Amino acid sequence: MNLKLKPEILVHSFSDFSGCVFFNIINGQTFALAITATELQEFISSGLANPKWDSSLITRLAELTDAI
């Protein structure tokens, strides 16, 4: 499964690469997740969540992507 970030979502890695900040260009919502860009890419590429992630992180990621 190949997921994509929704077109209205911009993502930027923290300077120390410990996580990412997400910005919704439509509603202005900004939030940070403790997920590296590499982990995000792996999730988008495979659609499989890392077993160490809690359910709230997985839910948030699903909201950012075209996952149903």
N, C-alpha and C. Protein backbone atom coordinates (compact mmCIF):
# COMPACT_ATOMS: atom_id res chain seq x y z
N MET A 1 0.85 -1.17 0.00
CA MET A 1 0.00 0.00 0.00
C MET A 1 0.89 1.23 0.00
N ASN A 2 0.63 2.14 -0.90
CA ASN A 2 1.36 3.41 -0.92
C ASN A 2 0.42 4.53 -0.53
N LEU A 3 0.70 5.15 0.58
CA LEU A 3 -0.09 6.27 1.05
C LEU A 3 0.54 7.57 0.58
N LYS A 4 -0.21 8.65 0.64
CA LYS A 4 0.32 9.98 0.35
C LYS A 4 -0.17 10.92 1.44
N LEU A 5 0.67 11.91 1.77
CA LEU A 5 0.17 12.97 2.63
C LEU A 5 -0.91 13.71 1.86
N LYS A 6 -1.91 14.17 2.57
CA LYS A 6 -2.93 14.98 1.92
C LYS A 6 -2.27 16.22 1.34
N PRO A 7 -2.78 16.74 0.22
CA PRO A 7 -2.12 17.87 -0.44
C PRO A 7 -2.05 19.14 0.41
N GLU A 8 -2.95 19.26 1.37
CA GLU A 8 -2.95 20.47 2.20
C GLU A 8 -1.98 20.38 3.39
N ILE A 9 -1.27 19.27 3.52
CA ILE A 9 -0.36 19.06 4.65
C ILE A 9 1.09 19.29 4.22
N LEU A 10 1.77 20.19 4.91
CA LEU A 10 3.20 20.40 4.73
C LEU A 10 3.90 19.79 5.94
N VAL A 11 5.07 19.23 5.72
CA VAL A 11 5.81 18.60 6.81
C VAL A 11 7.25 19.10 6.79
N HIS A 12 7.79 19.27 7.99
CA HIS A 12 9.17 19.74 8.13
C HIS A 12 9.79 19.01 9.32
N SER A 13 11.00 18.48 9.12
CA SER A 13 11.71 17.79 10.20
C SER A 13 12.25 18.80 11.21
N PHE A 14 12.28 18.40 12.48
CA PHE A 14 12.96 19.20 13.49
C PHE A 14 14.43 19.29 13.13
N SER A 15 15.09 20.31 13.59
CA SER A 15 16.51 20.48 13.26
C SER A 15 17.37 19.34 13.79
N ASP A 16 16.94 18.70 14.88
CA ASP A 16 17.71 17.57 15.40
C ASP A 16 17.19 16.22 14.87
N PHE A 17 16.23 16.28 13.95
CA PHE A 17 15.66 15.10 13.29
C PHE A 17 14.94 14.14 14.23
N SER A 18 14.53 14.62 15.40
CA SER A 18 13.85 13.76 16.37
C SER A 18 12.35 13.65 16.11
N GLY A 19 11.83 14.45 15.23
CA GLY A 19 10.41 14.43 14.95
C GLY A 19 10.10 15.35 13.79
N CYS A 20 8.81 15.54 13.56
CA CYS A 20 8.37 16.39 12.46
C CYS A 20 7.24 17.30 12.92
N VAL A 21 7.16 18.44 12.28
CA VAL A 21 6.04 19.35 12.50
C VAL A 21 5.20 19.34 11.22
N PHE A 22 3.89 19.36 11.41
CA PHE A 22 2.95 19.30 10.30
C PHE A 22 2.11 20.57 10.30
N PHE A 23 1.85 21.10 9.12
CA PHE A 23 1.06 22.31 8.98
C PHE A 23 -0.01 22.09 7.93
N ASN A 24 -1.25 22.36 8.31
CA ASN A 24 -2.37 22.27 7.38
C ASN A 24 -2.57 23.65 6.77
N ILE A 25 -2.32 23.80 5.47
CA ILE A 25 -2.39 25.11 4.83
C ILE A 25 -3.81 25.60 4.64
N ILE A 26 -4.79 24.75 4.85
CA ILE A 26 -6.20 25.17 4.71
C ILE A 26 -6.74 25.74 6.02
N ASN A 27 -6.55 25.00 7.12
CA ASN A 27 -7.14 25.47 8.38
C ASN A 27 -6.11 26.04 9.37
N GLY A 28 -4.82 26.02 9.01
CA GLY A 28 -3.79 26.61 9.86
C GLY A 28 -3.36 25.76 11.04
N GLN A 29 -3.91 24.57 11.17
CA GLN A 29 -3.55 23.71 12.30
C GLN A 29 -2.08 23.30 12.17
N THR A 30 -1.35 23.42 13.25
CA THR A 30 0.05 23.02 13.30
C THR A 30 0.23 22.10 14.50
N PHE A 31 0.95 21.01 14.31
CA PHE A 31 1.24 20.13 15.43
C PHE A 31 2.51 19.35 15.14
N ALA A 32 3.10 18.82 16.18
CA ALA A 32 4.34 18.07 16.07
C ALA A 32 4.10 16.63 16.50
N LEU A 33 4.83 15.73 15.87
CA LEU A 33 4.79 14.33 16.24
C LEU A 33 6.21 13.82 16.41
N ALA A 34 6.39 12.94 17.37
CA ALA A 34 7.70 12.35 17.61
C ALA A 34 7.90 11.18 16.65
N ILE A 35 7.99 11.51 15.38
CA ILE A 35 8.21 10.53 14.33
C ILE A 35 9.23 11.14 13.38
N THR A 36 10.25 10.38 13.06
CA THR A 36 11.28 10.91 12.17
C THR A 36 10.78 10.91 10.73
N ALA A 37 11.45 11.67 9.90
CA ALA A 37 11.10 11.71 8.48
C ALA A 37 11.23 10.32 7.86
N THR A 38 12.23 9.57 8.29
CA THR A 38 12.41 8.20 7.78
C THR A 38 11.24 7.31 8.18
N GLU A 39 10.82 7.41 9.44
CA GLU A 39 9.67 6.62 9.89
C GLU A 39 8.41 7.03 9.14
N LEU A 40 8.25 8.31 8.91
CA LEU A 40 7.09 8.80 8.16
C LEU A 40 7.10 8.22 6.75
N GLN A 41 8.25 8.25 6.09
CA GLN A 41 8.35 7.72 4.74
C GLN A 41 8.07 6.22 4.71
N GLU A 42 8.56 5.50 5.71
CA GLU A 42 8.29 4.06 5.79
C GLU A 42 6.80 3.80 5.96
N PHE A 43 6.13 4.60 6.79
CA PHE A 43 4.70 4.45 6.99
C PHE A 43 3.95 4.75 5.69
N ILE A 44 4.32 5.82 5.00
CA ILE A 44 3.66 6.19 3.75
C ILE A 44 3.88 5.12 2.69
N SER A 45 5.10 4.58 2.63
CA SER A 45 5.43 3.57 1.61
C SER A 45 4.72 2.25 1.84
N SER A 46 4.65 1.82 3.08
CA SER A 46 4.12 0.48 3.37
C SER A 46 2.70 0.49 3.90
N GLY A 47 2.29 1.59 4.53
CA GLY A 47 0.98 1.63 5.18
C GLY A 47 0.97 0.90 6.50
N LEU A 48 2.14 0.43 6.93
CA LEU A 48 2.23 -0.32 8.18
C LEU A 48 2.83 0.55 9.28
N ALA A 49 2.16 0.58 10.40
CA ALA A 49 2.63 1.37 11.53
C ALA A 49 3.72 0.62 12.29
N ASN A 50 4.62 1.37 12.86
CA ASN A 50 5.66 0.81 13.72
C ASN A 50 5.00 0.27 14.99
N PRO A 51 5.31 -0.94 15.41
CA PRO A 51 4.67 -1.51 16.61
C PRO A 51 4.88 -0.69 17.88
N LYS A 52 5.92 0.14 17.92
CA LYS A 52 6.18 0.92 19.13
C LYS A 52 5.29 2.17 19.22
N TRP A 53 4.61 2.53 18.15
CA TRP A 53 3.76 3.72 18.16
C TRP A 53 2.46 3.45 18.90
N ASP A 54 1.99 4.45 19.65
CA ASP A 54 0.71 4.28 20.33
C ASP A 54 -0.43 4.61 19.35
N SER A 55 -1.63 4.25 19.75
CA SER A 55 -2.78 4.37 18.85
C SER A 55 -3.08 5.83 18.49
N SER A 56 -2.79 6.78 19.37
CA SER A 56 -3.08 8.18 19.04
C SER A 56 -2.16 8.68 17.93
N LEU A 57 -0.91 8.22 17.91
CA LEU A 57 0.02 8.59 16.84
C LEU A 57 -0.45 7.99 15.52
N ILE A 58 -0.86 6.75 15.54
CA ILE A 58 -1.34 6.09 14.33
C ILE A 58 -2.59 6.78 13.80
N THR A 59 -3.49 7.15 14.70
CA THR A 59 -4.70 7.86 14.29
C THR A 59 -4.36 9.19 13.64
N ARG A 60 -3.44 9.93 14.23
CA ARG A 60 -3.03 11.23 13.69
C ARG A 60 -2.41 11.05 12.29
N LEU A 61 -1.56 10.05 12.14
CA LEU A 61 -0.94 9.79 10.84
C LEU A 61 -1.99 9.45 9.78
N ALA A 62 -2.98 8.68 10.18
CA ALA A 62 -4.05 8.34 9.24
C ALA A 62 -4.81 9.60 8.80
N GLU A 63 -4.98 10.55 9.72
CA GLU A 63 -5.66 11.80 9.37
C GLU A 63 -4.84 12.64 8.39
N LEU A 64 -3.53 12.49 8.42
CA LEU A 64 -2.64 13.27 7.55
C LEU A 64 -2.49 12.68 6.16
N THR A 65 -2.85 11.43 6.02
CA THR A 65 -2.67 10.73 4.76
C THR A 65 -4.02 10.41 4.13
N ASP A 66 -3.94 9.75 3.00
CA ASP A 66 -5.16 9.32 2.33
C ASP A 66 -5.62 7.95 2.82
N ALA A 67 -5.10 7.50 3.97
CA ALA A 67 -5.53 6.22 4.54
C ALA A 67 -6.99 6.33 4.96
N ILE A 68 -7.70 5.27 4.79
CA ILE A 68 -9.13 5.28 5.16
C ILE A 68 -9.31 4.67 6.53
